[in-house]
Amino acid sequence: MRFHYSKHLHEELDRRKISRKLLEQVLQGPEQKVPEVDNVTCYQSQVEIEGKPCLLRVMVNETVDPPVVVTVYRTSKISKYWRVP
């Protein structure tokens, strides 16, 4: 699937030191998709960054074509956001 990257996303990738390769990996095959607010879906996967386990969360507006990737961040609070079916 093709995505449009927002200006904010580019800024956050640099500021948060998240590689574009890792971002694209999550976008192409997220382990989970979690509904958020205002037409935003969180694509998330558990990954390892700098040798530490974390959750990479990518916020995507899927209501437009192509979907817009709004922002991305990583967190060590995996259990807070991980959805268990």
N, C-alpha and C. Protein backbone atom coordinates (compact mmCIF):
# COMPACT_ATOMS: atom_id res chain seq x y z
N MET A 1 0.84 -1.18 0.00
CA MET A 1 0.00 0.00 0.00
C MET A 1 0.89 1.24 0.00
N ARG A 2 0.44 2.25 -0.69
CA ARG A 2 1.16 3.53 -0.74
C ARG A 2 0.63 4.46 0.34
N PHE A 3 1.52 5.25 0.89
CA PHE A 3 1.17 6.20 1.94
C PHE A 3 1.73 7.57 1.59
N HIS A 4 1.07 8.60 2.09
CA HIS A 4 1.58 9.97 2.00
C HIS A 4 2.16 10.30 3.37
N TYR A 5 3.38 10.84 3.40
CA TYR A 5 4.03 11.20 4.65
C TYR A 5 3.85 12.69 4.92
N SER A 6 3.32 13.02 6.09
CA SER A 6 3.14 14.42 6.46
C SER A 6 4.48 15.07 6.77
N LYS A 7 4.50 16.39 6.72
CA LYS A 7 5.71 17.14 7.07
C LYS A 7 6.08 16.85 8.52
N HIS A 8 5.08 16.79 9.37
CA HIS A 8 5.31 16.51 10.79
C HIS A 8 6.00 15.16 10.98
N LEU A 9 5.60 14.17 10.19
CA LEU A 9 6.21 12.85 10.29
C LEU A 9 7.71 12.93 10.02
N HIS A 10 8.10 13.63 8.96
CA HIS A 10 9.53 13.75 8.63
C HIS A 10 10.30 14.37 9.79
N GLU A 11 9.72 15.39 10.41
CA GLU A 11 10.37 16.05 11.54
C GLU A 11 10.54 15.09 12.72
N GLU A 12 9.49 14.30 12.98
CA GLU A 12 9.52 13.38 14.12
C GLU A 12 10.47 12.21 13.88
N LEU A 13 10.59 11.73 12.66
CA LEU A 13 11.55 10.66 12.36
C LEU A 13 12.95 11.11 12.73
N ASP A 14 13.30 12.34 12.35
CA ASP A 14 14.63 12.88 12.65
C ASP A 14 14.80 13.12 14.15
N ARG A 15 13.83 13.78 14.74
CA ARG A 15 13.93 14.15 16.16
C ARG A 15 13.99 12.93 17.06
N ARG A 16 13.21 11.91 16.73
CA ARG A 16 13.12 10.71 17.58
C ARG A 16 14.09 9.61 17.15
N LYS A 17 14.88 9.90 16.13
CA LYS A 17 15.90 8.95 15.64
C LYS A 17 15.29 7.58 15.32
N ILE A 18 14.24 7.61 14.50
CA ILE A 18 13.59 6.38 14.03
C ILE A 18 13.88 6.27 12.54
N SER A 19 14.36 5.11 12.13
CA SER A 19 14.74 4.94 10.73
C SER A 19 13.50 4.81 9.84
N ARG A 20 13.64 5.30 8.63
CA ARG A 20 12.56 5.18 7.65
C ARG A 20 12.30 3.71 7.33
N LYS A 21 13.35 2.91 7.33
CA LYS A 21 13.21 1.48 7.06
C LYS A 21 12.31 0.81 8.10
N LEU A 22 12.51 1.15 9.36
CA LEU A 22 11.69 0.59 10.43
C LEU A 22 10.25 1.07 10.31
N LEU A 23 10.07 2.34 9.99
CA LEU A 23 8.74 2.90 9.77
C LEU A 23 8.01 2.13 8.67
N GLU A 24 8.67 1.95 7.55
CA GLU A 24 8.05 1.27 6.41
C GLU A 24 7.75 -0.19 6.72
N GLN A 25 8.59 -0.82 7.52
CA GLN A 25 8.36 -2.20 7.94
C GLN A 25 7.05 -2.31 8.72
N VAL A 26 6.81 -1.38 9.63
CA VAL A 26 5.58 -1.40 10.42
C VAL A 26 4.38 -1.06 9.53
N LEU A 27 4.52 -0.11 8.63
CA LEU A 27 3.41 0.25 7.75
C LEU A 27 3.00 -0.90 6.84
N GLN A 28 3.97 -1.66 6.34
CA GLN A 28 3.66 -2.75 5.41
C GLN A 28 3.15 -4.00 6.12
N GLY A 29 3.50 -4.16 7.39
CA GLY A 29 3.05 -5.36 8.10
C GLY A 29 2.92 -5.15 9.59
N PRO A 30 1.98 -4.29 10.01
CA PRO A 30 1.83 -4.04 11.44
C PRO A 30 1.35 -5.30 12.17
N GLU A 31 1.85 -5.49 13.37
CA GLU A 31 1.37 -6.61 14.18
C GLU A 31 -0.05 -6.35 14.67
N GLN A 32 -0.37 -5.08 14.86
CA GLN A 32 -1.72 -4.70 15.29
C GLN A 32 -2.12 -3.38 14.64
N LYS A 33 -3.44 -3.24 14.45
CA LYS A 33 -4.03 -1.96 14.05
C LYS A 33 -5.06 -1.63 15.12
N VAL A 34 -4.87 -0.47 15.76
CA VAL A 34 -5.72 -0.07 16.87
C VAL A 34 -6.40 1.25 16.53
N PRO A 35 -7.74 1.31 16.59
CA PRO A 35 -8.43 2.57 16.34
C PRO A 35 -8.05 3.61 17.39
N GLU A 36 -7.81 4.82 16.95
CA GLU A 36 -7.52 5.93 17.86
C GLU A 36 -8.63 6.97 17.70
N VAL A 37 -8.33 8.24 17.84
CA VAL A 37 -9.33 9.29 17.74
C VAL A 37 -9.33 9.95 16.36
N ASP A 38 -10.45 10.57 16.01
CA ASP A 38 -10.55 11.40 14.79
C ASP A 38 -10.04 10.71 13.52
N ASN A 39 -10.58 9.56 13.21
CA ASN A 39 -10.25 8.84 11.96
C ASN A 39 -8.80 8.39 11.87
N VAL A 40 -8.13 8.26 13.00
CA VAL A 40 -6.74 7.83 13.00
C VAL A 40 -6.66 6.39 13.52
N THR A 41 -5.86 5.60 12.82
CA THR A 41 -5.59 4.22 13.22
C THR A 41 -4.12 4.12 13.56
N CYS A 42 -3.83 3.44 14.67
CA CYS A 42 -2.44 3.24 15.06
C CYS A 42 -1.97 1.89 14.52
N TYR A 43 -0.94 1.92 13.69
CA TYR A 43 -0.27 0.71 13.24
C TYR A 43 0.87 0.52 14.24
N GLN A 44 0.92 -0.64 14.88
CA GLN A 44 1.98 -0.83 15.86
C GLN A 44 2.59 -2.22 15.79
N SER A 45 3.88 -2.27 16.12
CA SER A 45 4.62 -3.52 16.16
C SER A 45 5.67 -3.43 17.26
N GLN A 46 5.95 -4.58 17.85
CA GLN A 46 7.03 -4.66 18.83
C GLN A 46 8.34 -4.82 18.05
N VAL A 47 9.29 -3.94 18.35
CA VAL A 47 10.56 -3.92 17.64
C VAL A 47 11.69 -3.76 18.66
N GLU A 48 12.91 -3.86 18.15
CA GLU A 48 14.08 -3.61 18.98
C GLU A 48 14.82 -2.42 18.39
N ILE A 49 15.06 -1.42 19.23
CA ILE A 49 15.80 -0.23 18.81
C ILE A 49 16.93 -0.03 19.81
N GLU A 50 18.14 0.07 19.30
CA GLU A 50 19.33 0.23 20.13
C GLU A 50 19.42 -0.87 21.18
N GLY A 51 19.04 -2.09 20.79
CA GLY A 51 19.15 -3.25 21.68
C GLY A 51 18.08 -3.36 22.74
N LYS A 52 17.06 -2.50 22.68
CA LYS A 52 16.01 -2.52 23.70
C LYS A 52 14.65 -2.78 23.05
N PRO A 53 13.82 -3.61 23.68
CA PRO A 53 12.48 -3.85 23.14
C PRO A 53 11.61 -2.61 23.33
N CYS A 54 10.84 -2.30 22.31
CA CYS A 54 9.92 -1.18 22.42
C CYS A 54 8.77 -1.39 21.45
N LEU A 55 7.81 -0.53 21.55
CA LEU A 55 6.65 -0.56 20.67
C LEU A 55 6.75 0.63 19.75
N LEU A 56 6.72 0.38 18.45
CA LEU A 56 6.73 1.47 17.48
C LEU A 56 5.28 1.71 17.08
N ARG A 57 4.80 2.94 17.30
CA ARG A 57 3.41 3.30 17.03
C ARG A 57 3.38 4.33 15.91
N VAL A 58 2.64 4.03 14.86
CA VAL A 58 2.56 4.88 13.68
C VAL A 58 1.10 5.29 13.50
N MET A 59 0.83 6.58 13.57
CA MET A 59 -0.53 7.08 13.45
C MET A 59 -0.86 7.38 11.99
N VAL A 60 -1.94 6.77 11.50
CA VAL A 60 -2.30 6.85 10.08
C VAL A 60 -3.76 7.25 9.93
N ASN A 61 -4.00 8.26 9.08
CA ASN A 61 -5.37 8.63 8.73
C ASN A 61 -5.73 7.80 7.49
N GLU A 62 -6.58 6.81 7.69
CA GLU A 62 -6.96 5.90 6.61
C GLU A 62 -8.19 6.36 5.83
N THR A 63 -8.76 7.51 6.19
CA THR A 63 -9.99 7.97 5.55
C THR A 63 -9.75 8.71 4.24
N VAL A 64 -8.48 8.93 3.91
CA VAL A 64 -8.13 9.61 2.67
C VAL A 64 -7.35 8.66 1.77
N ASP A 65 -7.24 9.01 0.50
CA ASP A 65 -6.52 8.16 -0.44
C ASP A 65 -5.43 8.98 -1.13
N PRO A 66 -4.17 8.68 -0.96
CA PRO A 66 -3.63 7.60 -0.15
C PRO A 66 -3.67 7.95 1.34
N PRO A 67 -3.61 6.92 2.22
CA PRO A 67 -3.61 7.18 3.66
C PRO A 67 -2.43 8.08 4.04
N VAL A 68 -2.66 8.96 5.02
CA VAL A 68 -1.64 9.90 5.46
C VAL A 68 -1.03 9.43 6.77
N VAL A 69 0.29 9.29 6.78
CA VAL A 69 1.01 8.95 8.00
C VAL A 69 1.25 10.26 8.74
N VAL A 70 0.60 10.38 9.90
CA VAL A 70 0.60 11.64 10.63
C VAL A 70 1.84 11.79 11.51
N THR A 71 2.13 10.76 12.31
CA THR A 71 3.29 10.83 13.20
C THR A 71 3.73 9.43 13.58
N VAL A 72 4.88 9.35 14.25
CA VAL A 72 5.43 8.07 14.69
C VAL A 72 6.16 8.31 16.01
N TYR A 73 6.08 7.32 16.89
CA TYR A 73 6.90 7.37 18.11
C TYR A 73 7.12 5.98 18.64
N ARG A 74 8.11 5.87 19.51
CA ARG A 74 8.39 4.59 20.15
C ARG A 74 8.16 4.74 21.64
N THR A 75 7.80 3.64 22.29
CA THR A 75 7.59 3.66 23.72
C THR A 75 8.05 2.34 24.32
N SER A 76 8.53 2.42 25.55
CA SER A 76 8.92 1.20 26.27
C SER A 76 7.73 0.62 27.03
N LYS A 77 6.63 1.36 27.06
CA LYS A 77 5.42 0.94 27.79
C LYS A 77 4.55 0.05 26.91
N ILE A 78 5.11 -1.10 26.54
CA ILE A 78 4.44 -2.00 25.61
C ILE A 78 3.10 -2.45 26.17
N SER A 79 3.05 -2.85 27.42
CA SER A 79 1.81 -3.39 28.00
C SER A 79 0.70 -2.35 28.07
N LYS A 80 1.04 -1.09 28.08
CA LYS A 80 0.02 -0.03 28.12
C LYS A 80 -0.78 0.04 26.83
N TYR A 81 -0.13 -0.20 25.70
CA TYR A 81 -0.77 -0.02 24.40
C TYR A 81 -1.08 -1.33 23.65
N TRP A 82 -0.41 -2.42 24.04
CA TRP A 82 -0.60 -3.69 23.33
C TRP A 82 -1.98 -4.26 23.64
N ARG A 83 -2.72 -4.60 22.60
CA ARG A 83 -4.07 -5.14 22.76
C ARG A 83 -4.01 -6.66 22.71
N VAL A 84 -4.52 -7.28 23.76
CA VAL A 84 -4.58 -8.74 23.81
C VAL A 84 -6.00 -9.15 23.45
N PRO A 85 -6.13 -9.98 22.39
CA PRO A 85 -7.49 -10.38 21.97
C PRO A 85 -8.20 -11.23 23.00
